[in-house]
C-alpha atoms as a PDB file:
ATOM      1  CA  MET A   1     -46.766 -40.451  15.103  1.00  0.00           C
ATOM      2  CA  LYS A   2     -48.279 -36.846  16.310  1.00  0.00           C
ATOM      3  CA  SER A   3     -45.231 -34.678  15.579  1.00  0.00           C
ATOM      4  CA  ARG A   4     -46.648 -34.998  11.749  1.00  0.00           C
ATOM      5  CA  LYS A   5     -49.976 -33.790  12.370  1.00  0.00           C
ATOM      6  CA  TYR A   6     -48.472 -31.015  13.876  1.00  0.00           C
ATOM      7  CA  VAL A   7     -46.313 -30.168  10.961  1.00  0.00           C
ATOM      8  CA  PHE A   8     -49.291 -30.598   8.916  1.00  0.00           C
ATOM      9  CA  THR A   9     -51.268 -28.187  11.470  1.00  0.00           C
ATOM     10  CA  ALA A  10     -48.517 -25.555  11.440  1.00  0.00           C
ATOM     11  CA  LEU A  11     -48.368 -25.499   7.344  1.00  0.00           C
ATOM     12  CA  PHE A  12     -51.561 -24.867   7.259  1.00  0.00           C
ATOM     13  CA  ALA A  13     -51.796 -21.800  10.120  1.00  0.00           C
ATOM     14  CA  ALA A  14     -48.994 -20.627   8.031  1.00  0.00           C
ATOM     15  CA  LEU A  15     -50.680 -21.300   4.726  1.00  0.00           C
ATOM     16  CA  ILE A  16     -53.331 -18.833   6.175  1.00  0.00           C
ATOM     17  CA  SER A  17     -51.116 -16.278   7.536  1.00  0.00           C
ATOM     18  CA  ILE A  18     -49.400 -15.867   3.827  1.00  0.00           C
ATOM     19  CA  GLY A  19     -52.591 -15.533   2.555  1.00  0.00           C
ATOM     20  CA  CYS A  20     -53.486 -12.088   4.378  1.00  0.00           C
ATOM     21  CA  VAL A  21     -50.846 -10.500   1.903  1.00  0.00           C
ATOM     22  CA  ILE A  22     -53.478 -10.613  -0.980  1.00  0.00           C
ATOM     23  CA  ALA A  23     -56.169  -8.330   0.167  1.00  0.00           C
ATOM     24  CA  ILE A  24     -57.860  -6.109  -1.801  1.00  0.00           C
ATOM     25  CA  PRO A  25     -59.825  -3.772  -0.217  1.00  0.00           C
ATOM     26  CA  LEU A  26     -63.764  -3.395  -0.752  1.00  0.00           C
ATOM     27  CA  PRO A  27     -65.826  -0.183   0.183  1.00  0.00           C
ATOM     28  CA  GLY A  28     -67.669  -2.088   2.923  1.00  0.00           C
ATOM     29  CA  GLY A  29     -64.590  -2.821   4.377  1.00  0.00           C
ATOM     30  CA  VAL A  30     -64.586  -6.470   4.360  1.00  0.00           C
ATOM     31  CA  PRO A  31     -61.051  -7.615   2.119  1.00  0.00           C
ATOM     32  CA  ILE A  32     -60.909  -9.956  -0.923  1.00  0.00           C
ATOM     33  CA  THR A  33     -58.140 -12.771   0.532  1.00  0.00           C
ATOM     34  CA  VAL A  34     -57.326 -16.344  -0.079  1.00  0.00           C
ATOM     35  CA  GLN A  35     -57.139 -16.508   3.603  1.00  0.00           C
ATOM     36  CA  ASN A  36     -60.609 -18.584   3.321  1.00  0.00           C
ATOM     37  CA  LEU A  37     -59.297 -21.156   0.434  1.00  0.00           C
ATOM     38  CA  PHE A  38     -56.155 -21.828   3.137  1.00  0.00           C
ATOM     39  CA  CYS A  39     -58.881 -22.353   6.054  1.00  0.00           C
ATOM     40  CA  ILE A  40     -61.230 -24.793   3.912  1.00  0.00           C
ATOM     41  CA  LEU A  41     -58.340 -26.090   2.693  1.00  0.00           C
ATOM     42  CA  ALA A  42     -57.237 -27.123   5.820  1.00  0.00           C
ATOM     43  CA  GLY A  43     -60.448 -28.868   6.827  1.00  0.00           C
ATOM     44  CA  GLY A  44     -60.670 -30.408   3.425  1.00  0.00           C
ATOM     45  CA  ILE A  45     -57.198 -32.036   3.436  1.00  0.00           C
ATOM     46  CA  LEU A  46     -56.171 -32.799   7.221  1.00  0.00           C
ATOM     47  CA  GLY A  47     -59.503 -33.572   8.654  1.00  0.00           C
ATOM     48  CA  THR A  48     -61.890 -32.135  11.614  1.00  0.00           C
ATOM     49  CA  PHE A  49     -59.657 -31.720  14.390  1.00  0.00           C
ATOM     50  CA  TYR A  50     -56.342 -30.711  12.253  1.00  0.00           C
ATOM     51  CA  GLY A  51     -58.350 -28.290  10.206  1.00  0.00           C
ATOM     52  CA  ALA A  52     -59.675 -26.491  12.453  1.00  0.00           C
ATOM     53  CA  PHE A  53     -56.883 -26.305  15.114  1.00  0.00           C
ATOM     54  CA  SER A  54     -54.814 -25.009  12.064  1.00  0.00           C
ATOM     55  CA  VAL A  55     -57.165 -22.190  11.838  1.00  0.00           C
ATOM     56  CA  PHE A  56     -57.352 -21.287  15.832  1.00  0.00           C
ATOM     57  CA  ILE A  57     -53.581 -21.513  15.468  1.00  0.00           C
ATOM     58  CA  TRP A  58     -53.653 -18.417  12.813  1.00  0.00           C
ATOM     59  CA  MET A  59     -56.554 -16.625  15.365  1.00  0.00           C
ATOM     60  CA  ILE A  60     -54.532 -16.853  18.257  1.00  0.00           C
ATOM     61  CA  LEU A  61     -51.404 -15.637  16.373  1.00  0.00           C
ATOM     62  CA  GLY A  62     -53.621 -12.391  14.865  1.00  0.00           C
ATOM     63  CA  ALA A  63     -55.339 -12.085  18.296  1.00  0.00           C
ATOM     64  CA  VAL A  64     -51.911 -11.547  20.242  1.00  0.00           C
ATOM     65  CA  GLY A  65     -50.668  -8.916  17.348  1.00  0.00           C
ATOM     66  CA  ILE A  66     -48.928 -10.873  14.700  1.00  0.00           C
ATOM     67  CA  PRO A  67     -50.012  -9.425  11.528  1.00  0.00           C
ATOM     68  CA  VAL A  68     -51.468 -12.121   9.720  1.00  0.00           C
ATOM     69  CA  PHE A  69     -55.135 -10.831   9.214  1.00  0.00           C
ATOM     70  CA  ALA A  70     -56.222  -9.380   5.849  1.00  0.00           C
ATOM     71  CA  ASN A  71     -53.895  -6.559   5.185  1.00  0.00           C
ATOM     72  CA  ALA A  72     -51.141  -7.473   7.456  1.00  0.00           C
ATOM     73  CA  HIS A  73     -53.129  -6.214  10.435  1.00  0.00           C
ATOM     74  CA  GLY A  74     -53.377  -8.371  13.890  1.00  0.00           C
ATOM     75  CA  GLY A  75     -54.571  -7.328  17.192  1.00  0.00           C
ATOM     76  CA  LEU A  76     -57.752  -8.579  19.503  1.00  0.00           C
ATOM     77  CA  ALA A  77     -59.494  -5.532  17.871  1.00  0.00           C
ATOM     78  CA  ILE A  78     -59.656  -6.779  14.577  1.00  0.00           C
ATOM     79  CA  ILE A  79     -61.655  -9.936  15.747  1.00  0.00           C
ATOM     80  CA  LEU A  80     -64.224  -7.661  17.514  1.00  0.00           C
ATOM     81  CA  GLY A  81     -64.322  -5.522  14.543  1.00  0.00           C
ATOM     82  CA  PRO A  82     -66.313  -5.606  11.660  1.00  0.00           C
ATOM     83  CA  THR A  83     -64.487  -8.598   9.823  1.00  0.00           C
ATOM     84  CA  GLY A  84     -64.303 -10.741  13.265  1.00  0.00           C
ATOM     85  CA  GLY A  85     -67.369 -12.853  11.884  1.00  0.00           C
ATOM     86  CA  TYR A  86     -65.648 -14.186   9.282  1.00  0.00           C
ATOM     87  CA  MET A  87     -62.544 -15.291  10.921  1.00  0.00           C
ATOM     88  CA  TRP A  88     -64.797 -17.326  12.804  1.00  0.00           C
ATOM     89  CA  GLY A  89     -67.075 -18.608  10.024  1.00  0.00           C
ATOM     90  CA  TYR A  90     -63.280 -19.874   8.479  1.00  0.00           C
ATOM     91  CA  ALA A  91     -63.170 -21.791  11.292  1.00  0.00           C
ATOM     92  CA  LEU A  92     -66.513 -23.136  10.765  1.00  0.00           C
ATOM     93  CA  GLY A  93     -66.247 -23.871   7.053  1.00  0.00           C
ATOM     94  CA  SER A  94     -63.024 -25.777   8.172  1.00  0.00           C
ATOM     95  CA  LEU A  95     -64.799 -27.402  10.855  1.00  0.00           C
ATOM     96  CA  PHE A  96     -67.910 -28.659   8.457  1.00  0.00           C
ATOM     97  CA  LEU A  97     -65.693 -29.692   5.842  1.00  0.00           C
ATOM     98  CA  GLY A  98     -63.468 -31.546   7.810  1.00  0.00           C
ATOM     99  CA  LEU A  99     -66.432 -33.908  10.116  1.00  0.00           C
ATOM    100  CA  ALA A 100     -68.272 -33.771   6.625  1.00  0.00           C
ATOM    101  CA  LEU A 101     -65.112 -35.561   4.194  1.00  0.00           C
ATOM    102  CA  GLY A 102     -63.934 -37.511   7.815  1.00  0.00           C
ATOM    103  CA  LYS A 103     -60.013 -37.965   8.143  1.00  0.00           C
ATOM    104  CA  PRO A 104     -58.801 -38.608   4.884  1.00  0.00           C
ATOM    105  CA  LYS A 105     -57.692 -42.245   4.138  1.00  0.00           C
ATOM    106  CA  PHE A 106     -55.410 -43.742   1.645  1.00  0.00           C
ATOM    107  CA  GLY A 107     -57.993 -45.739  -0.160  1.00  0.00           C
ATOM    108  CA  GLU A 108     -59.872 -42.645  -0.873  1.00  0.00           C
ATOM    109  CA  LYS A 109     -59.810 -42.742  -5.407  1.00  0.00           C
ATOM    110  CA  LYS A 110     -59.023 -39.502  -6.415  1.00  0.00           C
ATOM    111  CA  LYS A 111     -60.668 -40.612  -9.889  1.00  0.00           C
ATOM    112  CA  ASP A 112     -63.986 -41.619  -7.761  1.00  0.00           C
ATOM    113  CA  VAL A 113     -66.528 -39.329  -9.440  1.00  0.00           C
ATOM    114  CA  LYS A 114     -69.307 -39.814  -6.503  1.00  0.00           C
ATOM    115  CA  PHE A 115     -66.101 -38.560  -4.148  1.00  0.00           C
ATOM    116  CA  ILE A 116     -65.267 -35.491  -6.252  1.00  0.00           C
ATOM    117  CA  ILE A 117     -69.046 -33.935  -6.483  1.00  0.00           C
ATOM    118  CA  LYS A 118     -69.008 -35.215  -2.460  1.00  0.00           C
ATOM    119  CA  ILE A 119     -65.693 -32.615  -2.155  1.00  0.00           C
ATOM    120  CA  ALA A 120     -67.570 -30.066  -4.476  1.00  0.00           C
ATOM    121  CA  LEU A 121     -70.792 -30.247  -3.101  1.00  0.00           C
ATOM    122  CA  LEU A 122     -69.471 -29.980   0.788  1.00  0.00           C
ATOM    123  CA  SER A 123     -66.864 -27.175   0.001  1.00  0.00           C
ATOM    124  CA  LEU A 124     -69.402 -25.081  -1.835  1.00  0.00           C
ATOM    125  CA  ILE A 125     -71.419 -25.657   1.750  1.00  0.00           C
ATOM    126  CA  ALA A 126     -68.256 -24.993   3.480  1.00  0.00           C
ATOM    127  CA  TYR A 127     -67.630 -21.249   2.110  1.00  0.00           C
ATOM    128  CA  ALA A 128     -71.146 -20.715   1.971  1.00  0.00           C
ATOM    129  CA  LEU A 129     -70.872 -20.893   6.113  1.00  0.00           C
ATOM    130  CA  VAL A 130     -68.420 -18.310   6.185  1.00  0.00           C
ATOM    131  CA  TYR A 131     -70.870 -15.812   6.176  1.00  0.00           C
ATOM    132  CA  LEU A 132     -73.041 -17.553   8.861  1.00  0.00           C
ATOM    133  CA  PRO A 133     -71.419 -15.404  11.656  1.00  0.00           C
ATOM    134  CA  GLY A 134     -69.709 -12.826   9.402  1.00  0.00           C
ATOM    135  CA  ILE A 135     -72.928 -11.199   7.817  1.00  0.00           C
ATOM    136  CA  PRO A 136     -74.838 -10.690  11.581  1.00  0.00           C
ATOM    137  CA  TRP A 137     -71.560  -9.899  13.219  1.00  0.00           C
ATOM    138  CA  PHE A 138     -70.476  -6.950  10.788  1.00  0.00           C
ATOM    139  CA  MET A 139     -74.359  -5.930  11.603  1.00  0.00           C
ATOM    140  CA  HIS A 140     -73.961  -6.024  14.844  1.00  0.00           C
ATOM    141  CA  VAL A 141     -70.270  -4.077  14.945  1.00  0.00           C
ATOM    142  CA  MET A 142     -71.832  -1.005  12.665  1.00  0.00           C
ATOM    143  CA  ALA A 143     -74.604  -0.732  14.594  1.00  0.00           C
ATOM    144  CA  GLY A 144     -72.713  -0.552  17.485  1.00  0.00           C
ATOM    145  CA  LYS A 145     -70.905   2.372  15.663  1.00  0.00           C
ATOM    146  CA  GLY A 146     -73.739   4.055  14.739  1.00  0.00           C
ATOM    147  CA  LYS A 147     -73.500   2.972  11.036  1.00  0.00           C
ATOM    148  CA  PRO A 148     -76.431   0.668  11.507  1.00  0.00           C
ATOM    149  CA  GLN A 149     -76.847  -1.645   8.113  1.00  0.00           C
ATOM    150  CA  THR A 150     -80.228  -3.560   6.875  1.00  0.00           C
ATOM    151  CA  PHE A 151     -79.731  -7.054   5.555  1.00  0.00           C
ATOM    152  CA  GLN A 152     -79.588  -6.333   2.055  1.00  0.00           C
ATOM    153  CA  SER A 153     -77.374  -3.316   2.471  1.00  0.00           C
ATOM    154  CA  ALA A 154     -74.829  -5.970   4.575  1.00  0.00           C
ATOM    155  CA  LEU A 155     -75.628  -8.594   1.680  1.00  0.00           C
ATOM    156  CA  LYS A 156     -74.105  -5.782  -0.755  1.00  0.00           C
ATOM    157  CA  LEU A 157     -71.357  -4.928   1.558  1.00  0.00           C
ATOM    158  CA  THR A 158     -70.299  -8.430   2.294  1.00  0.00           C
ATOM    159  CA  PHE A 159     -70.982 -11.108   0.347  1.00  0.00           C
ATOM    160  CA  ILE A 160     -72.314 -10.047  -3.362  1.00  0.00           C
ATOM    161  CA  PRO A 161     -68.980  -8.469  -4.076  1.00  0.00           C
ATOM    162  CA  PHE A 162     -67.110 -12.102  -2.555  1.00  0.00           C
ATOM    163  CA  ILE A 163     -69.348 -14.531  -5.211  1.00  0.00           C
ATOM    164  CA  PRO A 164     -66.861 -14.081  -7.963  1.00  0.00           C
ATOM    165  CA  GLY A 165     -64.174 -14.743  -6.045  1.00  0.00           C
ATOM    166  CA  ASP A 166     -65.339 -17.564  -4.299  1.00  0.00           C
ATOM    167  CA  LEU A 167     -66.225 -19.313  -6.626  1.00  0.00           C
ATOM    168  CA  ILE A 168     -63.116 -19.143  -8.393  1.00  0.00           C
ATOM    169  CA  LYS A 169     -61.275 -20.337  -5.087  1.00  0.00           C
ATOM    170  CA  TRP A 170     -64.107 -22.978  -4.860  1.00  0.00           C
ATOM    171  CA  ALA A 171     -62.816 -24.443  -8.371  1.00  0.00           C
ATOM    172  CA  VAL A 172     -59.351 -24.490  -7.166  1.00  0.00           C
ATOM    173  CA  THR A 173     -60.302 -25.935  -3.692  1.00  0.00           C
ATOM    174  CA  ILE A 174     -61.992 -29.238  -5.329  1.00  0.00           C
ATOM    175  CA  PRO A 175     -58.862 -30.653  -7.492  1.00  0.00           C
ATOM    176  CA  LEU A 176     -56.533 -29.734  -4.331  1.00  0.00           C
ATOM    177  CA  ILE A 177     -58.669 -31.819  -1.521  1.00  0.00           C
ATOM    178  CA  ARG A 178     -59.345 -34.575  -3.811  1.00  0.00           C
ATOM    179  CA  ALA A 179     -55.650 -34.819  -5.117  1.00  0.00           C
ATOM    180  CA  LEU A 180     -54.157 -33.978  -1.500  1.00  0.00           C
ATOM    181  CA  ARG A 181     -56.347 -35.813   0.745  1.00  0.00           C
ATOM    182  CA  PRO A 182     -54.194 -39.045  -0.292  1.00  0.00           C
ATOM    183  CA  VAL A 183     -50.645 -37.781   0.344  1.00  0.00           C
ATOM    184  CA  ALA A 184     -52.259 -36.302   3.793  1.00  0.00           C
ATOM    185  CA  ALA A 185     -53.498 -39.554   4.515  1.00  0.00           C
ATOM    186  CA  ARG A 186     -50.064 -41.541   4.290  1.00  0.00           C
ATOM    187  CA  TYR A 187     -48.560 -38.735   6.442  1.00  0.00           C
ATOM    188  CA  LEU A 188     -51.537 -38.377   8.700  1.00  0.00           C
ATOM    189  CA  ASN A 189     -52.670 -41.780   9.733  1.00  0.00           C
ATOM    190  CA  SER A 190     -49.073 -43.526   9.984  1.00  0.00           C
ATOM    191  CA  GLU A 191     -48.545 -45.026  13.388  1.00  0.00           C
ATOM    192  CA  GLU A 192     -44.411 -45.166  12.817  1.00  0.00           C
END
């Protein structure tokens, strides 16, 4: 039933939104949040379409001014600001992981070592993909504000401080995806 799929999509959009409450500010202007955790989980648990769709719903909610971005901010100016590239990176990471793992299936074995390794490697790549649009966009916006950044300085401000937190979130991601994909498959794949 399609309504179940939309409920799960809305649930993840809500989780991503709630993730804005936990925001640790850093000198570079890009705060540490748990929103990327929920975005990556959305792709890994719901699959390509519904995972990425939940991220886009969150972005639309924030773009129209609902305070769902880091530090409970909202508005198009946030998406166009220094952190905007990371938001697109959240969608990219979710989309990639959803494509790579595919639609959740009933027969996925929670204890299959190969599948756990696959989740681990692909989710690590998904976390890294967040930075692909994030760092260049940060540099572009800062240059437009008269504060140009070298690639090295941008890495020091917007990547290196996030590595420990992202590794912790990655370690949490693996067992959650492994445990919740079969549960999601039960609801997302039923034709009732």
